[in-house]
Amino acid sequence: MSRRTAREIALKALFQVDVGRILLDEAFAFACEGETDQNDIAFARELASGVLAKKNEIDTALAAAAKGWPLSRMANIDRNILRIASYELFFRPDIPVSVAINEAVELAKKYGDDDSPKFVNGVLATIAKMTTQENLEG
């Protein structure tokens, strides 16, 4: 398994939590089915649990970055892809900005609709500027 696969697992689990309203542990059991690489499963779990722990902060930033697109109007899959990438941008300085955005766009290509990659890329470009501005001010 790779980190991309780990991100896919985190996305599947977060989607189930968001849309299906089930607990993360239950969602993770389904999302990890058949996977054996414990390091990457741990990375997927860290992403998913990190997103949920920082969800209010992430959603506030997403609402500011996606002008004209309230979170409730976003496609469920796009919203959760954006949450994962935003978590990486804000709280995982070990992950380069370009990697976080590229991985999110790839997830959007695979799981979203035709407009998802462009939408995800645009919102994340704004989030990246926000994180850079915070680093300059902080």
Protein backbone atom coordinates (compact mmCIF):
# COMPACT_ATOMS: atom_id res chain seq x y z
CA MET A 1 0.00 0.00 0.00
CA SER A 2 1.14 3.56 -0.59
CA ARG A 3 0.33 6.88 0.99
CA ARG A 4 -2.12 7.45 -1.87
CA THR A 5 -3.92 4.27 -0.88
CA ALA A 6 -3.83 5.43 2.74
CA ARG A 7 -5.48 8.68 1.67
CA GLU A 8 -8.13 6.67 -0.17
CA ILE A 9 -8.83 4.68 3.00
CA ALA A 10 -9.09 7.90 5.02
CA LEU A 11 -11.44 9.33 2.39
CA LYS A 12 -13.69 6.28 2.42
CA ALA A 13 -13.86 6.29 6.20
CA LEU A 14 -14.54 10.03 6.43
CA PHE A 15 -17.20 9.79 3.74
CA GLN A 16 -18.98 7.09 5.76
CA VAL A 17 -18.74 9.16 8.93
CA ASP A 18 -19.98 12.29 7.13
CA VAL A 19 -22.78 10.78 5.05
CA GLY A 20 -23.61 7.57 6.88
CA ARG A 21 -23.28 9.12 10.33
CA ILE A 22 -21.36 6.13 11.71
CA LEU A 23 -18.45 6.12 14.13
CA LEU A 24 -14.91 6.36 12.77
CA ASP A 25 -13.87 2.96 14.12
CA GLU A 26 -16.76 1.26 12.35
CA ALA A 27 -16.10 3.18 9.12
CA PHE A 28 -12.41 2.35 9.34
CA ALA A 29 -13.14 -1.36 9.67
CA PHE A 30 -14.93 -1.27 6.33
CA ALA A 31 -12.46 1.08 4.65
CA CYS A 32 -9.42 -1.01 5.64
CA GLU A 33 -10.88 -4.34 4.63
CA GLY A 34 -8.20 -6.37 2.85
CA GLU A 35 -5.36 -3.95 3.57
CA THR A 36 -2.34 -5.29 5.45
CA ASP A 37 0.34 -2.58 5.56
CA GLN A 38 0.13 -1.39 9.16
CA ASN A 39 2.26 1.72 8.61
CA ASP A 40 -0.02 3.01 5.90
CA ILE A 41 -3.15 2.01 7.82
CA ALA A 42 -1.75 4.04 10.72
CA PHE A 43 -1.23 7.01 8.36
CA ALA A 44 -4.82 6.68 7.09
CA ARG A 45 -6.13 6.55 10.64
CA GLU A 46 -4.04 9.59 11.64
CA LEU A 47 -5.46 11.54 8.68
CA ALA A 48 -9.07 10.57 9.38
CA SER A 49 -8.91 11.10 13.13
CA GLY A 50 -6.98 14.35 12.63
CA VAL A 51 -9.62 15.66 10.24
CA LEU A 52 -12.37 14.85 12.73
CA ALA A 53 -10.46 16.41 15.62
CA LYS A 54 -9.86 19.64 13.66
CA LYS A 55 -13.09 19.56 11.63
CA ASN A 56 -14.45 22.90 12.88
CA GLU A 57 -11.21 24.72 12.08
CA ILE A 58 -10.90 23.01 8.71
CA ASP A 59 -14.53 23.69 7.77
CA THR A 60 -14.18 27.35 8.75
CA ALA A 61 -11.15 27.66 6.46
CA LEU A 62 -12.92 25.81 3.65
CA ALA A 63 -15.96 28.07 3.93
CA ALA A 64 -13.69 31.11 3.64
CA ALA A 65 -11.73 29.66 0.71
CA ALA A 66 -14.69 28.37 -1.29
CA LYS A 67 -16.55 31.64 -1.71
CA GLY A 68 -20.05 31.03 -3.01
CA TRP A 69 -19.89 27.33 -2.14
CA PRO A 70 -21.18 26.58 1.35
CA LEU A 71 -20.02 23.23 2.65
CA SER A 72 -23.60 21.97 2.49
CA ARG A 73 -23.66 22.60 -1.28
CA MET A 74 -20.35 20.85 -1.97
CA ALA A 75 -20.44 17.32 -3.26
CA ASN A 76 -19.90 14.99 -0.29
CA ILE A 77 -16.82 13.43 -1.84
CA ASP A 78 -15.27 16.81 -2.71
CA ARG A 79 -15.90 18.14 0.80
CA ASN A 80 -14.10 15.17 2.36
CA ILE A 81 -11.20 15.32 -0.10
CA LEU A 82 -10.82 19.00 0.78
CA ARG A 83 -10.90 18.22 4.49
CA ILE A 84 -8.08 15.68 4.18
CA ALA A 85 -5.89 17.97 2.11
CA SER A 86 -6.63 20.96 4.35
CA TYR A 87 -5.65 18.90 7.38
CA GLU A 88 -2.36 18.09 5.66
CA LEU A 89 -1.79 21.74 4.73
CA PHE A 90 -2.58 23.13 8.18
CA PHE A 91 -1.36 20.41 10.53
CA ARG A 92 1.21 18.26 8.71
CA PRO A 93 4.18 20.49 7.87
CA ASP A 94 6.13 17.36 6.90
CA ILE A 95 3.90 16.98 3.82
CA PRO A 96 4.82 19.44 1.05
CA VAL A 97 2.02 21.72 -0.13
CA SER A 98 2.38 20.48 -3.71
CA VAL A 99 2.03 16.86 -2.58
CA ALA A 100 -1.09 17.54 -0.51
CA ILE A 101 -2.74 19.38 -3.41
CA ASN A 102 -1.68 16.88 -6.07
CA GLU A 103 -2.89 13.91 -4.03
CA ALA A 104 -6.25 15.62 -3.46
CA VAL A 105 -6.65 16.36 -7.16
CA GLU A 106 -5.88 12.73 -7.97
CA LEU A 107 -8.52 11.59 -5.47
CA ALA A 108 -10.97 14.02 -7.07
CA LYS A 109 -10.21 12.58 -10.52
CA LYS A 110 -10.84 9.07 -9.25
CA TYR A 111 -13.87 9.61 -6.99
CA GLY A 112 -15.42 12.94 -7.99
CA ASP A 113 -17.25 14.14 -11.05
CA ASP A 114 -15.75 15.90 -14.08
CA ASP A 115 -15.61 19.27 -12.30
CA SER A 116 -14.15 17.95 -9.05
CA PRO A 117 -10.42 18.15 -9.87
CA LYS A 118 -10.63 21.81 -10.92
CA PHE A 119 -12.81 22.72 -7.93
CA VAL A 120 -10.55 20.90 -5.44
CA ASN A 121 -7.43 22.45 -6.95
CA GLY A 122 -8.89 25.97 -6.81
CA VAL A 123 -10.06 25.72 -3.21
CA LEU A 124 -6.78 24.18 -2.08
CA ALA A 125 -4.75 26.87 -3.85
CA THR A 126 -6.63 29.41 -1.73
CA ILE A 127 -6.10 27.32 1.42
CA ALA A 128 -2.38 27.10 0.62
CA LYS A 129 -2.21 30.89 0.36
CA MET A 130 -4.01 31.13 3.71
CA THR A 131 -1.49 28.81 5.37
CA THR A 132 1.41 30.75 3.87
CA GLN A 133 -0.07 34.02 5.10
CA GLU A 134 -0.56 32.56 8.60
CA ASN A 135 3.06 31.41 8.64
CA LEU A 136 4.23 34.89 7.62
CA GLU A 137 2.07 36.57 10.26
CA GLY A 138 2.72 34.01 12.99
